[in-house]
Amino acid sequence: MLRQKDIADTLALGVEQGCFVLRLPRPDKSVRTIWRAQPTEGDLRERDLEVVLPEAAELNDLDGTLLAPGALPGLWPEDGASISVGQVLAFFDGSHVSKVQREGYEKAFPVPKAAKEVVENAVREGVRAGAVWLTAGPASIYREDIPYGVLSDTALLHPPPAELLATAVLPQNLEAAWGEPITTAAAISDALSVTASKTLPWTTVRSAIDSAIRARYLERTPDSGPWPCDWSGSPLVQLSVPIGEPPPPLPPAGYKTEAELGSADLQDLVDGLADIIKAGAGLDLRFFLRLELGKGVEVTPDQVAKLNTALRKACSKPRFEEGLGSGSG
């Protein structure tokens, strides 16, 4: 016989995995919804608690961090390309069904409906929390409030930008910003954006400049504008390299890890990919995949062709070359 706690735990897990939506009426007659989030014990003890299937539910609340790449199956393309706010709105139009591979079979996850206002509030929250980065024309917003009038269906959401090292803003690494011994914060921002081929958010640039100042790689000139500042004040912030200071040391090599994985290990990694991407937000996390066949194994062209067909269905990038011999990939 199931205990009440077992039922509550199963229900909480189902909500967190997106199988159910919880509806909790408020005293003011409005309704709070919980989906793909951990409900509290108090939520599960509510007398008027309702459990609704996603395809029959409409969300009144949507956690902005769920918009992070990899958090919701099917929202972001596998190649990590940007998506528009309009695409996010369409994802929550009540007709979308995400499909996820689980232990050799495909599982469907209906996505609840959410009004435009609810989705846009989630976008604002996600940008402010650093889950996503938004651009719209010249505007580039990350870890700050989206200004009024910037959010539209054509605005683009990107994975969080990589954190910039303090040394990235120095003359030896950013010559375009240093035509003279003195430059401005605005010139550094423009040069970094040209290098990135995309307008970088001011919060990211400001953090790099601030790190360089605190590390004494840069200093403000006597007639510089105040620091820190918002974007509008960046042209007034004048910066120079302290006289007589030695060049900073090269940054340490980035962290790396590698391991040989079996089929089951790889499946476990895929199942936990959303949490890995979320934890590595802003760290320029990259994945490199190498496939090898066992040495000494006799491989026929037909076997290679079947492997490549299966690979193409999963991802277009990896492919075994035919005629390279046993154990090559």
C-alpha atoms as a PDB file:
ATOM      1  CA  MET A   1       0.000   0.000   0.000  1.00  0.00           C
ATOM      2  CA  LEU A   2       1.401   3.376  -0.992  1.00  0.00           C
ATOM      3  CA  ARG A   3       2.145   5.800   1.798  1.00  0.00           C
ATOM      4  CA  GLN A   4       1.075   9.421   1.526  1.00  0.00           C
ATOM      5  CA  LYS A   5       4.747  10.452   1.376  1.00  0.00           C
ATOM      6  CA  ASP A   6       5.364   8.072  -1.539  1.00  0.00           C
ATOM      7  CA  ILE A   7       2.476   9.634  -3.433  1.00  0.00           C
ATOM      8  CA  ALA A   8       3.744  13.145  -2.673  1.00  0.00           C
ATOM      9  CA  ASP A   9       7.285  12.239  -3.783  1.00  0.00           C
ATOM     10  CA  THR A  10       5.999  10.708  -7.015  1.00  0.00           C
ATOM     11  CA  LEU A  11       3.845  13.740  -7.688  1.00  0.00           C
ATOM     12  CA  ALA A  12       6.730  16.140  -6.981  1.00  0.00           C
ATOM     13  CA  LEU A  13       9.010  14.202  -9.332  1.00  0.00           C
ATOM     14  CA  GLY A  14       6.348  14.213 -12.049  1.00  0.00           C
ATOM     15  CA  VAL A  15       5.952  17.974 -11.766  1.00  0.00           C
ATOM     16  CA  GLU A  16       9.720  18.505 -11.873  1.00  0.00           C
ATOM     17  CA  GLN A  17      10.043  16.320 -14.977  1.00  0.00           C
ATOM     18  CA  GLY A  18       7.159  18.083 -16.728  1.00  0.00           C
ATOM     19  CA  CYS A  19       4.621  15.243 -16.559  1.00  0.00           C
ATOM     20  CA  PHE A  20       2.130  17.234 -14.464  1.00  0.00           C
ATOM     21  CA  VAL A  21       1.185  20.843 -13.769  1.00  0.00           C
ATOM     22  CA  LEU A  22       0.101  21.870 -10.279  1.00  0.00           C
ATOM     23  CA  ARG A  23      -2.580  24.519  -9.833  1.00  0.00           C
ATOM     24  CA  LEU A  24      -2.834  26.263  -6.467  1.00  0.00           C
ATOM     25  CA  PRO A  25      -5.645  28.785  -5.960  1.00  0.00           C
ATOM     26  CA  ARG A  26      -4.683  31.967  -4.110  1.00  0.00           C
ATOM     27  CA  PRO A  27      -6.908  33.868  -1.651  1.00  0.00           C
ATOM     28  CA  ASP A  28      -7.440  36.611  -4.267  1.00  0.00           C
ATOM     29  CA  LYS A  29      -8.982  33.987  -6.620  1.00  0.00           C
ATOM     30  CA  SER A  30      -5.940  33.944  -8.915  1.00  0.00           C
ATOM     31  CA  VAL A  31      -4.120  30.651  -9.556  1.00  0.00           C
ATOM     32  CA  ARG A  32      -0.436  29.818  -9.171  1.00  0.00           C
ATOM     33  CA  THR A  33       0.930  27.095 -11.435  1.00  0.00           C
ATOM     34  CA  ILE A  34       4.039  24.940 -10.956  1.00  0.00           C
ATOM     35  CA  TRP A  35       5.678  23.108 -13.863  1.00  0.00           C
ATOM     36  CA  ARG A  36       9.198  21.712 -14.169  1.00  0.00           C
ATOM     37  CA  ALA A  37      10.046  23.058 -10.734  1.00  0.00           C
ATOM     38  CA  GLN A  38      10.283  21.461  -7.302  1.00  0.00           C
ATOM     39  CA  PRO A  39       7.052  22.013  -5.314  1.00  0.00           C
ATOM     40  CA  THR A  40       7.426  22.537  -1.583  1.00  0.00           C
ATOM     41  CA  GLU A  41       5.915  20.288   1.059  1.00  0.00           C
ATOM     42  CA  GLY A  42       3.484  23.101   1.791  1.00  0.00           C
ATOM     43  CA  ASP A  43       2.396  23.183  -1.858  1.00  0.00           C
ATOM     44  CA  LEU A  44       1.684  19.453  -1.816  1.00  0.00           C
ATOM     45  CA  ARG A  45      -0.380  19.756   1.383  1.00  0.00           C
ATOM     46  CA  GLU A  46      -2.659  22.464  -0.009  1.00  0.00           C
ATOM     47  CA  ARG A  47      -6.280  21.354   0.315  1.00  0.00           C
ATOM     48  CA  ASP A  48      -7.326  22.890  -3.019  1.00  0.00           C
ATOM     49  CA  LEU A  49      -4.323  21.578  -4.945  1.00  0.00           C
ATOM     50  CA  GLU A  50      -5.163  20.470  -8.486  1.00  0.00           C
ATOM     51  CA  VAL A  51      -3.050  18.164 -10.669  1.00  0.00           C
ATOM     52  CA  VAL A  52      -3.444  18.744 -14.413  1.00  0.00           C
ATOM     53  CA  LEU A  53      -1.871  17.072 -17.421  1.00  0.00           C
ATOM     54  CA  PRO A  54       0.324  19.477 -19.431  1.00  0.00           C
ATOM     55  CA  GLU A  55      -1.791  19.254 -22.585  1.00  0.00           C
ATOM     56  CA  ALA A  56      -4.836  20.456 -20.619  1.00  0.00           C
ATOM     57  CA  ALA A  57      -3.063  23.111 -18.540  1.00  0.00           C
ATOM     58  CA  GLU A  58      -2.321  26.793 -18.988  1.00  0.00           C
ATOM     59  CA  LEU A  59       0.630  28.238 -17.123  1.00  0.00           C
ATOM     60  CA  ASN A  60       0.223  31.417 -15.123  1.00  0.00           C
ATOM     61  CA  ASP A  61       3.839  31.233 -13.939  1.00  0.00           C
ATOM     62  CA  LEU A  62       6.948  30.206 -15.893  1.00  0.00           C
ATOM     63  CA  ASP A  63      10.427  30.089 -14.371  1.00  0.00           C
ATOM     64  CA  GLY A  64      12.765  32.172 -16.546  1.00  0.00           C
ATOM     65  CA  THR A  65      15.686  29.813 -15.962  1.00  0.00           C
ATOM     66  CA  LEU A  66      13.779  27.130 -17.907  1.00  0.00           C
ATOM     67  CA  LEU A  67      14.569  29.127 -21.057  1.00  0.00           C
ATOM     68  CA  ALA A  68      18.282  28.324 -20.677  1.00  0.00           C
ATOM     69  CA  PRO A  69      19.696  26.173 -23.501  1.00  0.00           C
ATOM     70  CA  GLY A  70      19.078  22.497 -22.776  1.00  0.00           C
ATOM     71  CA  ALA A  71      16.605  23.057 -19.951  1.00  0.00           C
ATOM     72  CA  LEU A  72      13.466  22.363 -22.003  1.00  0.00           C
ATOM     73  CA  PRO A  73      13.675  19.548 -24.594  1.00  0.00           C
ATOM     74  CA  GLY A  74      12.971  20.830 -28.077  1.00  0.00           C
ATOM     75  CA  LEU A  75      13.119  24.567 -27.362  1.00  0.00           C
ATOM     76  CA  TRP A  76      16.677  25.144 -28.613  1.00  0.00           C
ATOM     77  CA  PRO A  77      18.223  23.665 -31.771  1.00  0.00           C
ATOM     78  CA  GLU A  78      20.894  21.042 -31.198  1.00  0.00           C
ATOM     79  CA  ASP A  79      23.565  23.166 -32.908  1.00  0.00           C
ATOM     80  CA  GLY A  80      23.230  25.864 -30.244  1.00  0.00           C
ATOM     81  CA  ALA A  81      21.930  28.480 -32.686  1.00  0.00           C
ATOM     82  CA  SER A  82      19.951  31.430 -31.396  1.00  0.00           C
ATOM     83  CA  ILE A  83      16.157  31.450 -31.205  1.00  0.00           C
ATOM     84  CA  SER A  84      13.685  34.309 -31.457  1.00  0.00           C
ATOM     85  CA  VAL A  85      11.240  35.350 -28.781  1.00  0.00           C
ATOM     86  CA  GLY A  86       8.548  34.503 -31.340  1.00  0.00           C
ATOM     87  CA  GLN A  87       9.787  30.908 -31.404  1.00  0.00           C
ATOM     88  CA  VAL A  88       9.527  30.742 -27.620  1.00  0.00           C
ATOM     89  CA  LEU A  89       5.955  32.036 -27.823  1.00  0.00           C
ATOM     90  CA  ALA A  90       5.126  29.356 -30.418  1.00  0.00           C
ATOM     91  CA  PHE A  91       6.671  26.691 -28.153  1.00  0.00           C
ATOM     92  CA  PHE A  92       4.043  27.556 -25.523  1.00  0.00           C
ATOM     93  CA  ASP A  93       1.033  27.864 -27.863  1.00  0.00           C
ATOM     94  CA  GLY A  94      -0.518  24.691 -26.416  1.00  0.00           C
ATOM     95  CA  SER A  95       0.102  22.446 -29.431  1.00  0.00           C
ATOM     96  CA  HIS A  96       3.815  21.697 -29.055  1.00  0.00           C
ATOM     97  CA  VAL A  97       5.039  18.247 -28.033  1.00  0.00           C
ATOM     98  CA  SER A  98       8.709  17.692 -27.149  1.00  0.00           C
ATOM     99  CA  LYS A  99      10.231  14.309 -27.886  1.00  0.00           C
ATOM    100  CA  VAL A 100      13.081  12.908 -25.809  1.00  0.00           C
ATOM    101  CA  GLN A 101      15.100   9.724 -26.235  1.00  0.00           C
ATOM    102  CA  ARG A 102      14.968   7.650 -23.050  1.00  0.00           C
ATOM    103  CA  GLU A 103      16.725   4.276 -22.750  1.00  0.00           C
ATOM    104  CA  GLY A 104      16.172   3.259 -26.327  1.00  0.00           C
ATOM    105  CA  TYR A 105      12.682   4.653 -26.807  1.00  0.00           C
ATOM    106  CA  GLU A 106      11.164   8.049 -27.586  1.00  0.00           C
ATOM    107  CA  LYS A 107       9.026   9.730 -24.941  1.00  0.00           C
ATOM    108  CA  ALA A 108       6.644  12.586 -25.743  1.00  0.00           C
ATOM    109  CA  PHE A 109       6.320  15.562 -23.402  1.00  0.00           C
ATOM    110  CA  PRO A 110       3.379  17.878 -24.172  1.00  0.00           C
ATOM    111  CA  VAL A 111       4.182  21.521 -23.424  1.00  0.00           C
ATOM    112  CA  PRO A 112       1.501  23.489 -21.524  1.00  0.00           C
ATOM    113  CA  LYS A 113       0.001  26.596 -23.002  1.00  0.00           C
ATOM    114  CA  ALA A 114       1.145  29.978 -21.694  1.00  0.00           C
ATOM    115  CA  ALA A 115      -0.105  33.446 -22.555  1.00  0.00           C
ATOM    116  CA  LYS A 116       2.219  35.898 -24.293  1.00  0.00           C
ATOM    117  CA  GLU A 117       2.511  37.997 -21.140  1.00  0.00           C
ATOM    118  CA  VAL A 118       3.589  34.956 -19.097  1.00  0.00           C
ATOM    119  CA  VAL A 119       6.254  33.972 -21.649  1.00  0.00           C
ATOM    120  CA  GLU A 120       7.559  37.534 -21.975  1.00  0.00           C
ATOM    121  CA  ASN A 121       7.830  37.807 -18.189  1.00  0.00           C
ATOM    122  CA  ALA A 122       9.838  34.564 -18.219  1.00  0.00           C
ATOM    123  CA  VAL A 123      12.137  36.028 -20.896  1.00  0.00           C
ATOM    124  CA  ARG A 124      12.696  39.119 -18.748  1.00  0.00           C
ATOM    125  CA  GLU A 125      13.410  36.951 -15.717  1.00  0.00           C
ATOM    126  CA  GLY A 126      15.712  34.633 -17.683  1.00  0.00           C
ATOM    127  CA  VAL A 127      17.759  37.524 -19.077  1.00  0.00           C
ATOM    128  CA  ARG A 128      17.996  39.180 -15.663  1.00  0.00           C
ATOM    129  CA  ALA A 129      19.073  35.884 -14.034  1.00  0.00           C
ATOM    130  CA  GLY A 130      21.709  35.182 -16.687  1.00  0.00           C
ATOM    131  CA  ALA A 131      20.005  32.100 -18.148  1.00  0.00           C
ATOM    132  CA  VAL A 132      19.835  33.681 -21.607  1.00  0.00           C
ATOM    133  CA  TRP A 133      21.241  36.691 -23.466  1.00  0.00           C
ATOM    134  CA  LEU A 134      18.965  38.892 -25.583  1.00  0.00           C
ATOM    135  CA  THR A 135      19.780  41.027 -28.611  1.00  0.00           C
ATOM    136  CA  ALA A 136      17.449  43.264 -30.587  1.00  0.00           C
ATOM    137  CA  GLY A 137      19.061  45.499 -33.185  1.00  0.00           C
ATOM    138  CA  PRO A 138      21.870  47.394 -31.409  1.00  0.00           C
ATOM    139  CA  ALA A 139      20.540  46.400 -27.970  1.00  0.00           C
ATOM    140  CA  SER A 140      22.420  43.618 -26.162  1.00  0.00           C
ATOM    141  CA  ILE A 141      21.038  42.716 -22.748  1.00  0.00           C
ATOM    142  CA  TYR A 142      22.352  40.225 -20.197  1.00  0.00           C
ATOM    143  CA  ARG A 143      22.011  40.075 -16.410  1.00  0.00           C
ATOM    144  CA  GLU A 144      20.000  43.310 -16.339  1.00  0.00           C
ATOM    145  CA  ASP A 145      16.443  44.462 -16.939  1.00  0.00           C
ATOM    146  CA  ILE A 146      15.277  44.635 -20.549  1.00  0.00           C
ATOM    147  CA  PRO A 147      14.489  48.296 -21.342  1.00  0.00           C
ATOM    148  CA  TYR A 148      10.919  49.155 -22.273  1.00  0.00           C
ATOM    149  CA  GLY A 149      10.247  48.677 -25.982  1.00  0.00           C
ATOM    150  CA  VAL A 150      13.214  46.362 -26.651  1.00  0.00           C
ATOM    151  CA  LEU A 151      11.400  43.049 -26.138  1.00  0.00           C
ATOM    152  CA  SER A 152       9.604  41.947 -29.316  1.00  0.00           C
ATOM    153  CA  ASP A 153       8.836  38.745 -31.222  1.00  0.00           C
ATOM    154  CA  THR A 154      11.894  39.319 -33.449  1.00  0.00           C
ATOM    155  CA  ALA A 155      14.330  39.809 -30.564  1.00  0.00           C
ATOM    156  CA  LEU A 156      16.861  36.975 -30.369  1.00  0.00           C
ATOM    157  CA  LEU A 157      17.843  34.820 -27.420  1.00  0.00           C
ATOM    158  CA  HIS A 158      21.369  33.402 -27.241  1.00  0.00           C
ATOM    159  CA  PRO A 159      23.226  31.137 -24.833  1.00  0.00           C
ATOM    160  CA  PRO A 160      24.967  33.183 -22.109  1.00  0.00           C
ATOM    161  CA  PRO A 161      28.116  34.921 -23.411  1.00  0.00           C
ATOM    162  CA  ALA A 162      31.491  33.599 -22.350  1.00  0.00           C
ATOM    163  CA  GLU A 163      33.079  35.465 -19.464  1.00  0.00           C
ATOM    164  CA  LEU A 164      35.918  37.738 -20.614  1.00  0.00           C
ATOM    165  CA  LEU A 165      39.301  37.591 -18.912  1.00  0.00           C
ATOM    166  CA  ALA A 166      40.777  40.789 -17.492  1.00  0.00           C
ATOM    167  CA  THR A 167      43.616  40.473 -19.997  1.00  0.00           C
ATOM    168  CA  ALA A 168      41.198  40.515 -22.954  1.00  0.00           C
ATOM    169  CA  VAL A 169      40.886  44.329 -22.771  1.00  0.00           C
ATOM    170  CA  LEU A 170      44.632  45.129 -22.754  1.00  0.00           C
ATOM    171  CA  PRO A 171      46.487  46.745 -25.694  1.00  0.00           C
ATOM    172  CA  GLN A 172      48.419  43.587 -26.618  1.00  0.00           C
ATOM    173  CA  ASN A 173      45.161  41.638 -26.947  1.00  0.00           C
ATOM    174  CA  LEU A 174      42.802  44.333 -28.288  1.00  0.00           C
ATOM    175  CA  GLU A 175      44.802  46.606 -30.584  1.00  0.00           C
ATOM    176  CA  ALA A 176      41.688  48.013 -32.281  1.00  0.00           C
ATOM    177  CA  ALA A 177      40.703  49.830 -29.077  1.00  0.00           C
ATOM    178  CA  TRP A 178      44.172  51.240 -28.371  1.00  0.00           C
ATOM    179  CA  GLY A 179      45.200  53.567 -31.183  1.00  0.00           C
ATOM    180  CA  GLU A 180      46.420  55.955 -28.489  1.00  0.00           C
ATOM    181  CA  PRO A 181      47.882  55.415 -24.988  1.00  0.00           C
ATOM    182  CA  ILE A 182      44.467  56.364 -23.608  1.00  0.00           C
ATOM    183  CA  THR A 183      41.228  54.705 -24.634  1.00  0.00           C
ATOM    184  CA  THR A 184      37.631  54.666 -23.408  1.00  0.00           C
ATOM    185  CA  ALA A 185      35.392  51.966 -22.041  1.00  0.00           C
ATOM    186  CA  ALA A 186      33.119  52.502 -25.041  1.00  0.00           C
ATOM    187  CA  ALA A 187      36.008  51.911 -27.474  1.00  0.00           C
ATOM    188  CA  ILE A 188      36.887  48.676 -25.673  1.00  0.00           C
ATOM    189  CA  SER A 189      33.276  47.538 -25.862  1.00  0.00           C
ATOM    190  CA  ASP A 190      33.078  48.300 -29.597  1.00  0.00           C
ATOM    191  CA  ALA A 191      36.348  46.482 -30.342  1.00  0.00           C
ATOM    192  CA  LEU A 192      35.333  43.407 -28.351  1.00  0.00           C
ATOM    193  CA  SER A 193      31.998  43.290 -30.182  1.00  0.00           C
ATOM    194  CA  VAL A 194      33.745  43.454 -33.562  1.00  0.00           C
ATOM    195  CA  THR A 195      35.992  40.575 -32.508  1.00  0.00           C
ATOM    196  CA  ALA A 196      32.945  38.555 -31.385  1.00  0.00           C
ATOM    197  CA  SER A 197      30.984  39.487 -34.557  1.00  0.00           C
ATOM    198  CA  LYS A 198      28.074  40.348 -32.272  1.00  0.00           C
ATOM    199  CA  THR A 199      27.270  43.268 -29.976  1.00  0.00           C
ATOM    200  CA  LEU A 200      28.377  42.086 -26.551  1.00  0.00           C
ATOM    201  CA  PRO A 201      26.279  42.997 -23.507  1.00  0.00           C
ATOM    202  CA  TRP A 202      27.650  45.902 -21.514  1.00  0.00           C
ATOM    203  CA  THR A 203      27.497  43.887 -18.295  1.00  0.00           C
ATOM    204  CA  THR A 204      29.996  41.374 -19.723  1.00  0.00           C
ATOM    205  CA  VAL A 205      32.356  44.073 -21.002  1.00  0.00           C
ATOM    206  CA  ARG A 206      32.052  46.071 -17.788  1.00  0.00           C
ATOM    207  CA  SER A 207      32.982  43.005 -15.733  1.00  0.00           C
ATOM    208  CA  ALA A 208      36.163  42.483 -17.802  1.00  0.00           C
ATOM    209  CA  ILE A 209      37.185  46.153 -17.504  1.00  0.00           C
ATOM    210  CA  ASP A 210      36.450  46.143 -13.784  1.00  0.00           C
ATOM    211  CA  SER A 211      38.602  43.019 -13.335  1.00  0.00           C
ATOM    212  CA  ALA A 212      41.450  44.710 -15.237  1.00  0.00           C
ATOM    213  CA  ILE A 213      41.216  47.803 -13.028  1.00  0.00           C
ATOM    214  CA  ARG A 214      41.126  45.764  -9.814  1.00  0.00           C
ATOM    215  CA  ALA A 215      44.099  43.705 -11.022  1.00  0.00           C
ATOM    216  CA  ARG A 216      45.961  47.001 -11.745  1.00  0.00           C
ATOM    217  CA  TYR A 217      46.313  46.135 -15.395  1.00  0.00           C
ATOM    218  CA  LEU A 218      44.447  49.371 -16.209  1.00  0.00           C
ATOM    219  CA  GLU A 219      43.781  52.626 -14.413  1.00  0.00           C
ATOM    220  CA  ARG A 220      41.438  55.537 -14.942  1.00  0.00           C
ATOM    221  CA  THR A 221      42.962  58.823 -16.004  1.00  0.00           C
ATOM    222  CA  PRO A 222      42.567  61.891 -13.695  1.00  0.00           C
ATOM    223  CA  ASP A 223      39.871  63.392 -15.946  1.00  0.00           C
ATOM    224  CA  SER A 224      37.961  60.120 -16.472  1.00  0.00           C
ATOM    225  CA  GLY A 225      34.259  59.849 -15.904  1.00  0.00           C
ATOM    226  CA  PRO A 226      32.968  57.850 -12.910  1.00  0.00           C
ATOM    227  CA  TRP A 227      33.347  54.094 -12.676  1.00  0.00           C
ATOM    228  CA  PRO A 228      31.496  51.755 -12.628  1.00  0.00           C
ATOM    229  CA  CYS A 229      28.854  53.154 -14.942  1.00  0.00           C
ATOM    230  CA  ASP A 230      26.111  52.106 -17.314  1.00  0.00           C
ATOM    231  CA  TRP A 231      26.537  52.077 -21.090  1.00  0.00           C
ATOM    232  CA  SER A 232      25.615  55.732 -21.504  1.00  0.00           C
ATOM    233  CA  GLY A 233      28.582  56.762 -19.356  1.00  0.00           C
ATOM    234  CA  SER A 234      31.142  54.481 -21.061  1.00  0.00           C
ATOM    235  CA  PRO A 235      32.432  57.112 -23.570  1.00  0.00           C
ATOM    236  CA  LEU A 236      33.500  59.283 -20.613  1.00  0.00           C
ATOM    237  CA  VAL A 237      35.529  56.555 -18.879  1.00  0.00           C
ATOM    238  CA  GLN A 238      39.144  57.036 -19.942  1.00  0.00           C
ATOM    239  CA  LEU A 239      41.619  54.245 -19.318  1.00  0.00           C
ATOM    240  CA  SER A 240      45.371  53.749 -19.637  1.00  0.00           C
ATOM    241  CA  VAL A 241      48.017  51.181 -18.747  1.00  0.00           C
ATOM    242  CA  PRO A 242      49.866  52.173 -15.527  1.00  0.00           C
ATOM    243  CA  ILE A 243      53.321  53.557 -16.375  1.00  0.00           C
ATOM    244  CA  GLY A 244      56.168  51.203 -15.573  1.00  0.00           C
ATOM    245  CA  GLU A 245      53.906  48.240 -14.898  1.00  0.00           C
ATOM    246  CA  PRO A 246      55.117  44.929 -16.432  1.00  0.00           C
ATOM    247  CA  PRO A 247      52.727  43.191 -18.833  1.00  0.00           C
ATOM    248  CA  PRO A 248      50.383  40.777 -17.058  1.00  0.00           C
ATOM    249  CA  PRO A 249      51.161  37.059 -17.161  1.00  0.00           C
ATOM    250  CA  LEU A 250      49.379  34.848 -19.643  1.00  0.00           C
ATOM    251  CA  PRO A 251      46.103  33.437 -18.309  1.00  0.00           C
ATOM    252  CA  PRO A 252      46.199  29.830 -17.113  1.00  0.00           C
ATOM    253  CA  ALA A 253      45.061  27.090 -19.443  1.00  0.00           C
ATOM    254  CA  GLY A 254      41.340  26.331 -19.301  1.00  0.00           C
ATOM    255  CA  TYR A 255      39.958  23.394 -17.376  1.00  0.00           C
ATOM    256  CA  LYS A 256      39.563  20.186 -19.365  1.00  0.00           C
ATOM    257  CA  THR A 257      38.338  16.683 -18.684  1.00  0.00           C
ATOM    258  CA  GLU A 258      38.080  13.563 -20.800  1.00  0.00           C
ATOM    259  CA  ALA A 259      37.057   9.948 -20.249  1.00  0.00           C
ATOM    260  CA  GLU A 260      36.291   6.828 -22.223  1.00  0.00           C
ATOM    261  CA  LEU A 261      32.540   6.196 -22.107  1.00  0.00           C
ATOM    262  CA  GLY A 262      30.561   3.079 -22.839  1.00  0.00           C
ATOM    263  CA  SER A 263      27.087   3.200 -24.385  1.00  0.00           C
ATOM    264  CA  ALA A 264      25.388   3.236 -20.965  1.00  0.00           C
ATOM    265  CA  ASP A 265      27.734   5.952 -19.689  1.00  0.00           C
ATOM    266  CA  LEU A 266      26.958   8.105 -22.724  1.00  0.00           C
ATOM    267  CA  GLN A 267      23.208   7.687 -22.187  1.00  0.00           C
ATOM    268  CA  ASP A 268      23.621   8.759 -18.550  1.00  0.00           C
ATOM    269  CA  LEU A 269      25.555  11.817 -19.736  1.00  0.00           C
ATOM    270  CA  VAL A 270      22.803  12.744 -22.205  1.00  0.00           C
ATOM    271  CA  ASP A 271      20.140  12.349 -19.503  1.00  0.00           C
ATOM    272  CA  GLY A 272      22.036  14.811 -17.300  1.00  0.00           C
ATOM    273  CA  LEU A 273      22.973  17.213 -20.102  1.00  0.00           C
ATOM    274  CA  ALA A 274      20.430  19.883 -19.141  1.00  0.00           C
ATOM    275  CA  ASP A 275      21.888  20.165 -15.627  1.00  0.00           C
ATOM    276  CA  ILE A 276      25.453  20.232 -17.015  1.00  0.00           C
ATOM    277  CA  ILE A 277      24.649  23.060 -19.452  1.00  0.00           C
ATOM    278  CA  LYS A 278      22.837  25.010 -16.745  1.00  0.00           C
ATOM    279  CA  ALA A 279      25.767  24.663 -14.314  1.00  0.00           C
ATOM    280  CA  GLY A 280      28.240  25.710 -17.043  1.00  0.00           C
ATOM    281  CA  ALA A 281      26.270  28.777 -18.178  1.00  0.00           C
ATOM    282  CA  GLY A 282      28.641  31.608 -19.034  1.00  0.00           C
ATOM    283  CA  LEU A 283      31.750  29.371 -18.941  1.00  0.00           C
ATOM    284  CA  ASP A 284      31.960  28.748 -22.725  1.00  0.00           C
ATOM    285  CA  LEU A 285      31.424  25.018 -22.150  1.00  0.00           C
ATOM    286  CA  ARG A 286      32.276  22.997 -25.273  1.00  0.00           C
ATOM    287  CA  PHE A 287      31.858  19.342 -26.215  1.00  0.00           C
ATOM    288  CA  PHE A 288      34.218  17.323 -28.422  1.00  0.00           C
ATOM    289  CA  LEU A 289      33.184  13.843 -29.528  1.00  0.00           C
ATOM    290  CA  ARG A 290      35.454  11.091 -30.902  1.00  0.00           C
ATOM    291  CA  LEU A 291      34.124   7.690 -31.943  1.00  0.00           C
ATOM    292  CA  GLU A 292      36.418   4.691 -32.387  1.00  0.00           C
ATOM    293  CA  LEU A 293      35.872   1.085 -33.384  1.00  0.00           C
ATOM    294  CA  GLY A 294      37.769  -1.607 -31.523  1.00  0.00           C
ATOM    295  CA  LYS A 295      41.248  -2.349 -32.820  1.00  0.00           C
ATOM    296  CA  GLY A 296      41.560  -5.628 -34.660  1.00  0.00           C
ATOM    297  CA  VAL A 297      37.868  -5.724 -35.530  1.00  0.00           C
ATOM    298  CA  GLU A 298      37.178  -6.554 -39.169  1.00  0.00           C
ATOM    299  CA  VAL A 299      34.777  -3.933 -40.523  1.00  0.00           C
ATOM    300  CA  THR A 300      32.830  -4.292 -43.759  1.00  0.00           C
ATOM    301  CA  PRO A 301      31.693  -1.333 -45.923  1.00  0.00           C
ATOM    302  CA  ASP A 302      28.083  -2.296 -45.196  1.00  0.00           C
ATOM    303  CA  GLN A 303      28.684  -2.016 -41.435  1.00  0.00           C
ATOM    304  CA  VAL A 304      30.289   1.398 -41.869  1.00  0.00           C
ATOM    305  CA  ALA A 305      27.371   2.562 -44.006  1.00  0.00           C
ATOM    306  CA  LYS A 306      24.854   1.436 -41.369  1.00  0.00           C
ATOM    307  CA  LEU A 307      26.824   3.229 -38.644  1.00  0.00           C
ATOM    308  CA  ASN A 308      26.919   6.436 -40.682  1.00  0.00           C
ATOM    309  CA  THR A 309      23.184   6.225 -41.381  1.00  0.00           C
ATOM    310  CA  ALA A 310      22.473   5.912 -37.644  1.00  0.00           C
ATOM    311  CA  LEU A 311      24.844   8.790 -36.896  1.00  0.00           C
ATOM    312  CA  ARG A 312      23.199  11.063 -39.470  1.00  0.00           C
ATOM    313  CA  LYS A 313      19.806  10.506 -37.823  1.00  0.00           C
ATOM    314  CA  ALA A 314      21.205  11.613 -34.462  1.00  0.00           C
ATOM    315  CA  CYS A 315      23.629  14.341 -35.553  1.00  0.00           C
ATOM    316  CA  SER A 316      24.958  15.374 -38.964  1.00  0.00           C
ATOM    317  CA  LYS A 317      28.537  16.126 -37.833  1.00  0.00           C
ATOM    318  CA  PRO A 318      30.250  12.806 -36.903  1.00  0.00           C
ATOM    319  CA  ARG A 319      30.844  10.339 -39.723  1.00  0.00           C
ATOM    320  CA  PHE A 320      33.085   7.304 -40.164  1.00  0.00           C
ATOM    321  CA  GLU A 321      35.238   7.449 -43.279  1.00  0.00           C
ATOM    322  CA  GLU A 322      35.128   4.286 -45.353  1.00  0.00           C
ATOM    323  CA  GLY A 323      38.304   2.531 -46.377  1.00  0.00           C
ATOM    324  CA  LEU A 324      40.469   3.656 -43.424  1.00  0.00           C
ATOM    325  CA  GLY A 325      40.879   0.169 -42.035  1.00  0.00           C
ATOM    326  CA  SER A 326      39.916  -1.501 -38.764  1.00  0.00           C
ATOM    327  CA  GLY A 327      39.789   0.695 -35.650  1.00  0.00           C
ATOM    328  CA  SER A 328      39.851   4.027 -37.551  1.00  0.00           C
ATOM    329  CA  GLY A 329      37.218   6.728 -37.163  1.00  0.00           C
END
